Amino acid sequence: MDDAAPTPNEAMLSAMAELWRLSPPGPDNLLAAPAFERLRDACRDGYPNVGKKGPAFALSTALRSLGLPCGLRADAAHLASPVEAAAMGLDMALRATHARRLHLAPLDMAEEIPSLAFGSARIGRFTSDELRAFVDTTRLQRVFQGVDFDADRFSEFHWLVVEEHVALENEPEARAVPVLFMDMREDFGRIEPHKGRFPSALEDALFFFLLAPWESWSTMPEVDWRGFRVPWVYTVDSDIFVRPNSPPSADTLNWEDRIYDDGYGGTVEVQRPLELQLSDEAKTGITVWDQHRWTIVEQAKRTVLFETPISHFLVRAFLSEDVDEFLAHVTTIEAALGLQADYQKSFRVVPDRHKKMSPTKKMRGRVAGLLGNRDYADQYETLFNVRSAFLHGRAMASISTDEQVLARSLARRIVEALILATQAGPITSREDFLDDLLDKGIQLIQAPAASTI
């Protein structure tokens, strides 16, 4: 037994021990170092799904994340890890079939709101230690030496944190350098029409949170109807073969100077996060956005009423500015209640009970039918006319605050009403559902004229 060939783990530990003995700054080309090549062979021979040649760039990235001593500057030497611990970490990473991705989104300018939890998301303030644990500051400091994650300042903000578990289907090298594994015959200029700005798991949570009536809670809608902003998302991937993202700066968020009396006749000037003021109702109203409500929304999104990109445009409106925000909210309404058959006869169901009705009148009817009041149909027509003036007119007036907030409010109400409709019973056909809404809406719109006869 003593003469038996070393197992892959023994070969790995032996090669790593030699790498750990290298003096800083290490070889000019770590990938060509004999110990590195032996470690690469050990990974190739001892583990499944690592590719025919074994990891190279992926292995280099992992070693730095694990605390390879020769890769650390003198002022970061304390971040080196024992070789045994590093070998265990590498072994676990090579055997892993799933990775955890943690998406951290600062709620910039959010006033004090209660902590919430729904799905795989949490909203609240986190201590500096909790934030350091989220982003794994030790790993960050090993990879980005001299660049700090300012957990103390970030802890003054609210955060939306979403946890996602993903299957590791590709070999480590493909995860580390995906560009080397792309099919060059692909159309790299193609547009994915409903691709979000942020990871889909984060945008799902954001969509849910945006169903709250922020525009009603805002005390200064002329400044911003939102209760918060999301300027960026920082994703932490537990896969050590993937290079971490550079840590963001707290200066990217909004701060304001505040001056306090120190109690001794002097003043103290500090920076505090800038806040969008909300009504008192927000602090209690937001608490209903919980796990129970999340379940209802997720069930609704799996029905035929949400086959169109409703959530995409509602989130897009929140993340946009000025006229793009306005147009995205109007598009949310059209995604919710419009049909391709409204504009293309070839998609119409026979018999078509409303074939002589214009698309705009159909939308008016469906809005009234869904929300149970013709006033909402009038609101939609107002917004549609503003949209038409922008798209087709030679000149147009400014979009007022009232019109901007109206677009947001009507879009949100319609989405909420669709969610409620899915709770009433199974809906097998979106077309039939919208046709029934139109019939109901026509009656509501015509009712006042009929009452005067």
Protein backbone atom coordinates (compact mmCIF):
# COMPACT_ATOMS: atom_id res chain seq x y z
CA MET A 1 0.00 0.00 0.00
CA ASP A 2 2.89 2.38 0.74
CA ASP A 3 4.08 2.10 -2.89
CA ALA A 4 0.62 2.82 -4.30
CA ALA A 5 0.29 5.82 -6.59
CA PRO A 6 -0.98 8.94 -4.80
CA THR A 7 -4.67 9.63 -5.01
CA PRO A 8 -5.83 12.80 -6.79
CA ASN A 9 -6.31 14.51 -3.43
CA GLU A 10 -2.77 13.67 -2.38
CA ALA A 11 -1.45 14.91 -5.71
CA MET A 12 -3.46 18.07 -5.30
CA LEU A 13 -2.17 18.77 -1.80
CA SER A 14 1.42 18.09 -2.85
CA ALA A 15 1.23 20.47 -5.81
CA MET A 16 -0.54 23.14 -3.76
CA ALA A 17 2.04 22.87 -0.98
CA GLU A 18 4.76 23.65 -3.52
CA LEU A 19 2.79 26.60 -4.86
CA TRP A 20 2.27 27.85 -1.31
CA ARG A 21 6.05 27.88 -0.78
CA LEU A 22 6.66 30.25 -3.69
CA SER A 23 7.94 33.64 -2.61
CA PRO A 24 6.08 36.81 -3.61
CA PRO A 25 5.51 38.07 -6.23
CA GLY A 26 5.66 34.55 -7.66
CA PRO A 27 6.53 33.52 -11.22
CA ASP A 28 5.92 35.85 -14.15
CA ASN A 29 3.55 33.28 -15.59
CA LEU A 30 1.88 31.27 -12.84
CA LEU A 31 0.13 29.04 -15.38
CA ALA A 32 3.51 27.80 -16.66
CA ALA A 33 4.92 26.97 -13.22
CA PRO A 34 5.65 23.21 -12.84
CA ALA A 35 3.65 22.98 -9.60
CA PHE A 36 0.70 24.68 -11.26
CA GLU A 37 0.80 22.23 -14.17
CA ARG A 38 0.84 19.31 -11.72
CA LEU A 39 -2.11 20.79 -9.88
CA ARG A 40 -3.94 21.20 -13.16
CA ASP A 41 -3.31 17.54 -13.99
CA ALA A 42 -4.58 16.51 -10.54
CA CYS A 43 -7.78 18.45 -11.14
CA ARG A 44 -8.20 16.92 -14.59
CA ASP A 45 -7.59 13.34 -13.47
CA GLY A 46 -9.40 13.33 -10.16
CA TYR A 47 -12.66 15.14 -10.81
CA PRO A 48 -15.51 14.92 -13.32
CA ASN A 49 -16.61 17.81 -15.54
CA VAL A 50 -13.31 19.70 -15.57
CA GLY A 51 -12.58 19.34 -19.29
CA LYS A 52 -10.00 17.31 -21.18
CA LYS A 53 -7.11 19.67 -20.41
CA GLY A 54 -8.09 20.63 -16.89
CA PRO A 55 -8.68 24.17 -15.64
CA ALA A 56 -6.11 26.89 -16.34
CA PHE A 57 -7.45 30.44 -16.01
CA ALA A 58 -10.18 29.06 -13.75
CA LEU A 59 -7.59 27.43 -11.49
CA SER A 60 -5.53 30.62 -11.31
CA THR A 61 -8.64 32.59 -10.30
CA ALA A 62 -9.54 29.99 -7.66
CA LEU A 63 -6.06 29.98 -6.13
CA ARG A 64 -6.10 33.74 -5.70
CA SER A 65 -9.54 33.58 -4.11
CA LEU A 66 -8.25 30.85 -1.76
CA GLY A 67 -5.31 32.96 -0.57
CA LEU A 68 -2.25 31.94 -2.61
CA PRO A 69 0.59 33.61 -0.65
CA CYS A 70 2.79 34.61 -3.60
CA GLY A 71 -0.14 36.50 -5.14
CA LEU A 72 -0.44 38.85 -2.16
CA ARG A 73 1.36 42.13 -1.59
CA ALA A 74 3.33 42.63 1.59
CA ASP A 75 0.52 44.66 3.19
CA ALA A 76 -1.95 41.85 2.42
CA ALA A 77 0.21 38.88 3.47
CA HIS A 78 -2.08 38.25 6.44
CA LEU A 79 -4.81 37.20 3.98
CA ALA A 80 -2.93 34.03 2.98
CA SER A 81 -4.67 30.83 4.03
CA PRO A 82 -3.18 27.54 5.25
CA VAL A 83 -2.57 25.23 2.33
CA GLU A 84 -4.72 22.49 3.88
CA ALA A 85 -7.72 24.83 4.07
CA ALA A 86 -7.12 26.02 0.52
CA ALA A 87 -6.93 22.42 -0.75
CA MET A 88 -10.20 21.62 0.97
CA GLY A 89 -11.80 24.67 -0.63
CA LEU A 90 -10.54 23.70 -4.07
CA ASP A 91 -11.71 20.11 -3.64
CA MET A 92 -15.20 21.29 -2.65
CA ALA A 93 -15.35 23.70 -5.58
CA LEU A 94 -14.41 20.97 -8.06
CA ARG A 95 -17.10 18.66 -6.70
CA ALA A 96 -19.82 21.33 -6.52
CA THR A 97 -22.87 20.89 -8.72
CA HIS A 98 -24.55 24.16 -7.70
CA ALA A 99 -23.44 27.64 -6.78
CA ARG A 100 -25.07 30.36 -4.73
CA ARG A 101 -25.45 33.80 -6.22
CA LEU A 102 -26.29 36.62 -3.89
CA HIS A 103 -27.66 39.74 -5.56
CA LEU A 104 -27.33 42.89 -3.45
CA ALA A 105 -29.26 45.99 -4.53
CA PRO A 106 -29.04 49.19 -2.46
CA LEU A 107 -32.37 50.94 -1.97
CA ASP A 108 -30.90 54.36 -2.53
CA MET A 109 -32.86 57.25 -0.95
CA ALA A 110 -35.22 54.88 0.89
CA GLU A 111 -36.69 56.25 4.08
CA GLU A 112 -36.95 54.02 7.16
CA ILE A 113 -39.13 51.04 6.23
CA PRO A 114 -39.79 47.75 8.06
CA SER A 115 -37.74 44.67 7.28
CA LEU A 116 -39.41 42.24 4.91
CA ALA A 117 -38.85 38.70 3.65
CA PHE A 118 -40.51 37.05 0.65
CA GLY A 119 -39.42 34.25 -1.65
CA SER A 120 -35.64 34.18 -1.59
CA ALA A 121 -35.45 37.94 -0.96
CA ARG A 122 -34.91 40.08 2.11
CA ILE A 123 -35.29 43.81 2.50
CA GLY A 124 -33.83 45.77 5.38
CA ARG A 125 -30.80 47.34 6.93
CA PHE A 126 -27.83 45.10 7.58
CA THR A 127 -24.91 45.63 9.90
CA SER A 128 -21.45 46.21 8.50
CA ASP A 129 -20.46 42.70 9.62
CA GLU A 130 -23.47 41.19 7.86
CA LEU A 131 -22.60 43.05 4.65
CA ARG A 132 -18.98 41.90 4.88
CA ALA A 133 -20.21 38.33 5.20
CA PHE A 134 -22.52 38.77 2.19
CA VAL A 135 -19.73 39.92 -0.11
CA ASP A 136 -16.96 37.75 1.44
CA THR A 137 -14.56 40.62 2.03
CA THR A 138 -11.61 38.27 2.62
CA ARG A 139 -11.96 36.89 -0.89
CA LEU A 140 -12.43 40.40 -2.29
CA GLN A 141 -9.31 41.69 -0.54
CA ARG A 142 -7.27 38.81 -1.90
CA VAL A 143 -8.37 39.51 -5.47
CA PHE A 144 -8.65 43.33 -5.34
CA GLN A 145 -5.80 44.32 -3.06
CA GLY A 146 -6.05 47.90 -1.91
CA VAL A 147 -9.72 48.23 -2.95
CA ASP A 148 -12.12 48.32 -0.04
CA PHE A 149 -15.79 47.42 0.33
CA ASP A 150 -17.02 50.24 2.55
CA ALA A 151 -19.36 48.16 4.72
CA ASP A 152 -19.65 50.85 7.41
CA ARG A 153 -21.09 53.44 5.03
CA PHE A 154 -23.16 50.89 3.11
CA SER A 155 -24.77 49.77 6.38
CA GLU A 156 -26.58 53.11 6.56
CA PHE A 157 -28.77 52.12 3.59
CA HIS A 158 -31.61 49.66 3.11
CA TRP A 159 -30.88 46.72 0.81
CA LEU A 160 -32.76 44.24 -1.32
CA VAL A 161 -30.86 40.97 -1.10
CA VAL A 162 -31.89 38.03 -3.29
CA GLU A 163 -30.37 34.57 -3.01
CA GLU A 164 -30.28 32.35 -6.08
CA HIS A 165 -28.99 28.79 -6.52
CA VAL A 166 -27.83 27.84 -10.01
CA ALA A 167 -26.73 24.54 -11.51
CA LEU A 168 -23.08 24.36 -12.60
CA GLU A 169 -23.50 22.77 -16.00
CA ASN A 170 -20.26 23.94 -17.65
CA GLU A 171 -16.70 23.02 -16.79
CA PRO A 172 -14.72 25.46 -14.59
CA GLU A 173 -12.79 26.94 -17.50
CA ALA A 174 -15.99 27.78 -19.37
CA ARG A 175 -17.36 29.48 -16.27
CA ALA A 176 -14.16 31.46 -15.75
CA VAL A 177 -13.66 32.58 -19.37
CA PRO A 178 -16.96 32.00 -21.22
CA VAL A 179 -15.79 33.98 -24.25
CA LEU A 180 -13.34 31.19 -25.11
CA PHE A 181 -16.20 28.70 -25.36
CA MET A 182 -18.60 30.74 -27.46
CA ASP A 183 -19.82 29.51 -30.82
CA MET A 184 -18.42 32.15 -33.15
CA ARG A 185 -21.22 31.42 -35.61
CA GLU A 186 -23.70 33.03 -33.23
CA ASP A 187 -25.31 36.37 -34.00
CA PHE A 188 -23.67 38.41 -31.23
CA GLY A 189 -25.54 41.54 -32.26
CA ARG A 190 -28.97 40.03 -31.75
CA ILE A 191 -31.36 41.69 -29.33
CA GLU A 192 -33.03 39.66 -26.62
CA PRO A 193 -36.28 41.67 -26.45
CA HIS A 194 -37.22 41.01 -22.84
CA LYS A 195 -33.80 40.77 -21.25
CA GLY A 196 -33.68 42.74 -18.02
CA ARG A 197 -31.01 45.16 -16.87
CA PHE A 198 -30.41 43.12 -13.73
CA PRO A 199 -30.43 39.35 -13.00
CA SER A 200 -33.90 37.88 -13.42
CA ALA A 201 -34.14 36.71 -9.79
CA LEU A 202 -33.51 40.27 -8.63
CA GLU A 203 -35.98 41.75 -11.12
CA ASP A 204 -38.64 39.26 -10.00
CA ALA A 205 -38.27 40.53 -6.44
CA LEU A 206 -38.22 44.13 -7.63
CA PHE A 207 -41.42 43.62 -9.65
CA PHE A 208 -43.17 42.29 -6.57
CA PHE A 209 -42.00 45.22 -4.44
CA LEU A 210 -43.08 47.70 -7.10
CA LEU A 211 -46.69 46.55 -6.76
CA ALA A 212 -46.84 48.62 -3.58
CA PRO A 213 -48.52 52.04 -4.13
CA TRP A 214 -45.33 54.08 -3.88
CA GLU A 215 -46.84 56.90 -5.93
CA SER A 216 -49.61 57.26 -3.31
CA TRP A 217 -47.16 57.16 -0.41
CA SER A 218 -44.81 59.75 -1.88
CA THR A 219 -45.11 63.16 -0.20
CA MET A 220 -43.30 64.93 -3.05
CA PRO A 221 -44.17 63.21 -6.34
CA GLU A 222 -42.87 66.23 -8.26
CA VAL A 223 -39.42 65.25 -6.97
CA ASP A 224 -39.88 61.50 -7.36
CA TRP A 225 -42.90 59.23 -6.90
CA ARG A 226 -40.63 56.34 -6.07
CA GLY A 227 -39.83 55.42 -2.51
CA PHE A 228 -36.31 54.40 -3.49
CA ARG A 229 -33.91 53.99 -6.39
CA VAL A 230 -31.84 50.99 -7.46
CA PRO A 231 -28.76 52.37 -9.26
CA TRP A 232 -26.92 49.04 -9.48
CA VAL A 233 -26.82 45.43 -8.35
CA TYR A 234 -23.72 43.72 -6.98
CA THR A 235 -23.67 39.95 -7.47
CA VAL A 236 -21.56 37.64 -5.32
CA ASP A 237 -20.96 34.23 -6.89
CA SER A 238 -19.83 31.42 -4.57
CA ASP A 239 -18.13 29.70 -7.53
CA ILE A 240 -14.44 30.42 -6.88
CA PHE A 241 -13.61 29.73 -10.53
CA VAL A 242 -15.47 32.93 -11.44
CA ARG A 243 -13.57 36.15 -10.79
CA PRO A 244 -15.45 38.34 -8.29
CA ASN A 245 -16.84 41.66 -9.42
CA SER A 246 -14.94 44.74 -8.33
CA PRO A 247 -16.54 46.13 -5.15
CA PRO A 248 -18.78 49.15 -5.68
CA SER A 249 -18.19 52.54 -4.09
CA ALA A 250 -20.52 54.03 -1.49
CA ASP A 251 -20.06 57.35 -3.28
CA THR A 252 -22.33 56.06 -6.07
CA LEU A 253 -25.28 56.47 -3.68
CA ASN A 254 -26.95 59.72 -2.62
CA TRP A 255 -25.72 61.47 0.52
CA GLU A 256 -26.48 64.82 2.09
CA ASP A 257 -24.65 66.93 4.64
CA ARG A 258 -26.31 67.35 8.03
CA ILE A 259 -25.26 69.59 10.88
CA TYR A 260 -26.00 68.72 14.51
CA ASP A 261 -25.55 70.51 17.81
CA ASP A 262 -22.98 68.53 19.80
CA GLY A 263 -24.51 69.63 23.13
CA TYR A 264 -21.48 71.65 24.13
CA GLY A 265 -22.07 74.76 22.06
CA GLY A 266 -20.43 73.37 18.94
CA THR A 267 -21.66 71.71 15.79
CA VAL A 268 -20.93 68.40 14.11
CA GLU A 269 -21.20 68.01 10.35
CA VAL A 270 -21.85 64.50 9.03
CA GLN A 271 -23.02 62.85 5.85
CA ARG A 272 -26.24 60.87 5.94
CA PRO A 273 -28.14 59.05 3.19
CA LEU A 274 -30.55 61.27 1.29
CA GLU A 275 -34.14 60.12 1.76
CA LEU A 276 -37.33 60.39 -0.28
CA GLN A 277 -40.03 61.26 2.23
CA LEU A 278 -43.03 58.94 2.44
CA SER A 279 -46.35 59.25 4.24
CA ASP A 280 -46.91 57.52 7.56
CA GLU A 281 -49.16 55.07 5.74
CA ALA A 282 -46.14 53.58 3.98
CA LYS A 283 -44.62 52.23 7.19
CA THR A 284 -47.68 50.10 7.91
CA GLY A 285 -48.89 49.54 4.35
CA ILE A 286 -45.63 47.98 3.20
CA THR A 287 -45.87 45.16 5.73
CA VAL A 288 -48.46 43.30 3.62
CA TRP A 289 -45.78 42.66 1.00
CA ASP A 290 -44.89 39.38 2.69
CA GLN A 291 -44.49 35.71 1.86
CA HIS A 292 -48.24 35.13 1.55
CA ARG A 293 -48.61 37.91 -0.99
CA TRP A 294 -45.47 36.75 -2.81
CA THR A 295 -47.02 33.31 -3.28
CA ILE A 296 -50.17 34.85 -4.78
CA VAL A 297 -48.17 36.97 -7.22
CA GLU A 298 -45.95 34.07 -8.27
CA GLN A 299 -48.99 31.90 -8.92
CA ALA A 300 -50.55 34.66 -11.01
CA LYS A 301 -47.40 35.04 -13.10
CA ARG A 302 -47.70 31.40 -14.13
CA THR A 303 -51.18 31.92 -15.62
CA VAL A 304 -52.09 32.87 -19.19
CA LEU A 305 -52.76 36.47 -18.11
CA PHE A 306 -49.04 37.01 -17.61
CA GLU A 307 -47.82 35.39 -20.81
CA THR A 308 -46.97 38.86 -22.12
CA PRO A 309 -44.01 40.88 -20.74
CA ILE A 310 -45.99 42.77 -18.09
CA SER A 311 -43.40 42.48 -15.33
CA HIS A 312 -40.59 43.40 -17.74
CA PHE A 313 -42.12 46.77 -18.61
CA LEU A 314 -43.21 47.63 -15.07
CA VAL A 315 -39.64 47.12 -13.85
CA ARG A 316 -38.27 48.89 -16.93
CA ALA A 317 -40.42 51.92 -16.14
CA PHE A 318 -39.05 52.08 -12.59
CA LEU A 319 -35.46 51.88 -13.82
CA SER A 320 -35.98 54.46 -16.59
CA GLU A 321 -36.08 58.24 -16.57
CA ASP A 322 -38.28 60.96 -18.03
CA VAL A 323 -40.23 60.08 -21.18
CA ASP A 324 -38.80 56.55 -21.28
CA GLU A 325 -40.37 55.90 -17.90
CA PHE A 326 -43.72 57.28 -19.09
CA LEU A 327 -43.68 55.19 -22.28
CA ALA A 328 -42.73 52.03 -20.36
CA HIS A 329 -45.71 52.47 -18.03
CA VAL A 330 -48.10 52.93 -20.97
CA THR A 331 -46.52 49.87 -22.59
CA THR A 332 -47.12 47.93 -19.35
CA ILE A 333 -50.83 48.65 -19.74
CA GLU A 334 -50.81 47.55 -23.35
CA ALA A 335 -48.87 44.38 -22.52
CA ALA A 336 -51.46 43.61 -19.85
CA LEU A 337 -54.63 44.22 -21.85
CA GLY A 338 -53.68 44.32 -25.51
CA LEU A 339 -53.86 41.56 -28.10
CA GLN A 340 -51.87 41.07 -31.27
CA ALA A 341 -55.24 40.53 -32.93
CA ASP A 342 -56.13 44.17 -32.19
CA TYR A 343 -53.75 45.20 -34.96
CA GLN A 344 -53.39 42.09 -37.10
CA LYS A 345 -56.53 40.57 -38.57
CA SER A 346 -54.85 37.23 -39.16
CA PHE A 347 -54.70 36.65 -35.40
CA ARG A 348 -58.38 37.35 -34.78
CA VAL A 349 -60.60 34.60 -33.45
CA VAL A 350 -63.70 33.84 -35.50
CA PRO A 351 -66.31 35.00 -34.83
CA ASP A 352 -64.85 38.38 -33.80
CA ARG A 353 -67.53 40.20 -31.81
CA HIS A 354 -65.59 43.50 -31.88
CA LYS A 355 -64.04 43.53 -35.35
CA LYS A 356 -65.26 47.06 -36.15
CA MET A 357 -63.85 48.57 -32.97
CA SER A 358 -60.52 50.41 -33.08
CA PRO A 359 -57.61 49.12 -30.96
CA THR A 360 -57.74 52.23 -28.75
CA LYS A 361 -61.45 51.79 -28.02
CA LYS A 362 -60.83 48.13 -27.22
CA MET A 363 -58.17 49.13 -24.73
CA ARG A 364 -60.50 51.71 -23.19
CA GLY A 365 -63.18 49.07 -22.79
CA ARG A 366 -60.85 46.52 -21.22
CA VAL A 367 -59.44 49.05 -18.76
CA ALA A 368 -62.96 50.03 -17.69
CA GLY A 369 -64.06 46.39 -17.51
CA LEU A 370 -61.08 45.30 -15.43
CA LEU A 371 -61.16 48.19 -12.96
CA GLY A 372 -64.95 48.55 -12.91
CA ASN A 373 -65.13 52.25 -13.70
CA ARG A 374 -65.21 54.26 -16.94
CA ASP A 375 -63.05 56.96 -15.30
CA TYR A 376 -60.07 54.63 -15.70
CA ALA A 377 -60.85 54.33 -19.42
CA ASP A 378 -60.70 58.11 -19.66
CA GLN A 379 -57.36 58.08 -17.83
CA TYR A 380 -55.99 55.58 -20.31
CA GLU A 381 -57.16 57.69 -23.24
CA THR A 382 -55.41 60.72 -21.74
CA LEU A 383 -52.17 58.78 -21.46
CA PHE A 384 -52.57 57.30 -24.95
CA ASN A 385 -53.01 60.78 -26.43
CA VAL A 386 -49.84 62.00 -24.72
CA ARG A 387 -48.00 58.95 -26.05
CA SER A 388 -49.35 59.55 -29.57
CA ALA A 389 -48.29 63.19 -29.48
CA PHE A 390 -44.78 62.12 -28.56
CA LEU A 391 -44.54 59.43 -31.24
CA HIS A 392 -46.42 61.08 -34.09
CA GLY A 393 -46.69 64.79 -33.39
CA ARG A 394 -44.36 67.46 -34.71
CA ALA A 395 -44.24 69.11 -31.29
CA MET A 396 -45.66 68.34 -27.90
CA ALA A 397 -45.94 69.95 -24.51
CA SER A 398 -44.07 68.71 -21.45
CA ILE A 399 -45.42 65.66 -19.69
CA SER A 400 -46.71 66.94 -16.37
CA THR A 401 -46.04 65.40 -12.97
CA ASP A 402 -49.73 64.46 -12.80
CA GLU A 403 -49.50 62.60 -16.12
CA GLN A 404 -46.29 60.86 -15.11
CA VAL A 405 -47.78 59.70 -11.80
CA LEU A 406 -51.06 58.78 -13.50
CA ALA A 407 -49.22 56.47 -15.90
CA ARG A 408 -47.47 54.75 -12.99
CA SER A 409 -50.67 54.49 -10.93
CA LEU A 410 -52.84 53.13 -13.73
CA ALA A 411 -50.21 50.58 -14.77
CA ARG A 412 -49.85 49.35 -11.20
CA ARG A 413 -53.64 49.16 -10.65
CA ILE A 414 -54.10 47.13 -13.82
CA VAL A 415 -51.37 44.67 -12.89
CA GLU A 416 -52.82 44.30 -9.39
CA ALA A 417 -56.29 43.73 -10.85
CA LEU A 418 -54.98 41.01 -13.16
CA ILE A 419 -53.37 39.28 -10.19
CA LEU A 420 -56.68 39.47 -8.32
CA ALA A 421 -58.52 38.07 -11.34
CA THR A 422 -56.34 34.95 -11.27
CA GLN A 423 -57.58 34.27 -7.74
CA ALA A 424 -61.21 34.05 -8.85
CA GLY A 425 -60.75 30.78 -10.69
CA PRO A 426 -58.93 29.11 -13.60
CA ILE A 427 -58.51 31.18 -16.76
CA THR A 428 -57.95 28.98 -19.79
CA SER A 429 -57.87 31.62 -22.52
CA ARG A 430 -56.38 35.11 -22.32
CA GLU A 431 -58.29 36.11 -25.46
CA ASP A 432 -61.65 35.07 -23.98
CA PHE A 433 -60.85 36.81 -20.70
CA LEU A 434 -60.03 40.08 -22.46
CA ASP A 435 -63.11 39.80 -24.67
CA ASP A 436 -65.29 39.43 -21.58
CA LEU A 437 -63.59 42.47 -20.03
CA LEU A 438 -64.33 44.42 -23.20
CA ASP A 439 -68.02 43.50 -23.09
CA LYS A 440 -68.20 44.59 -19.48
CA GLY A 441 -66.30 47.78 -20.20
CA ILE A 442 -68.53 48.74 -23.12
CA GLN A 443 -71.53 48.55 -20.84
CA LEU A 444 -69.86 50.77 -18.26
CA ILE A 445 -68.77 53.33 -20.85
CA GLN A 446 -72.23 53.48 -22.48
CA ALA A 447 -74.17 53.46 -19.21
CA PRO A 448 -74.22 57.26 -18.61
CA ALA A 449 -75.53 57.97 -22.12
CA ALA A 450 -78.19 55.28 -21.75
CA SER A 451 -79.38 56.72 -18.41
CA THR A 452 -80.30 60.07 -20.01
CA ILE A 453 -82.77 58.60 -22.47
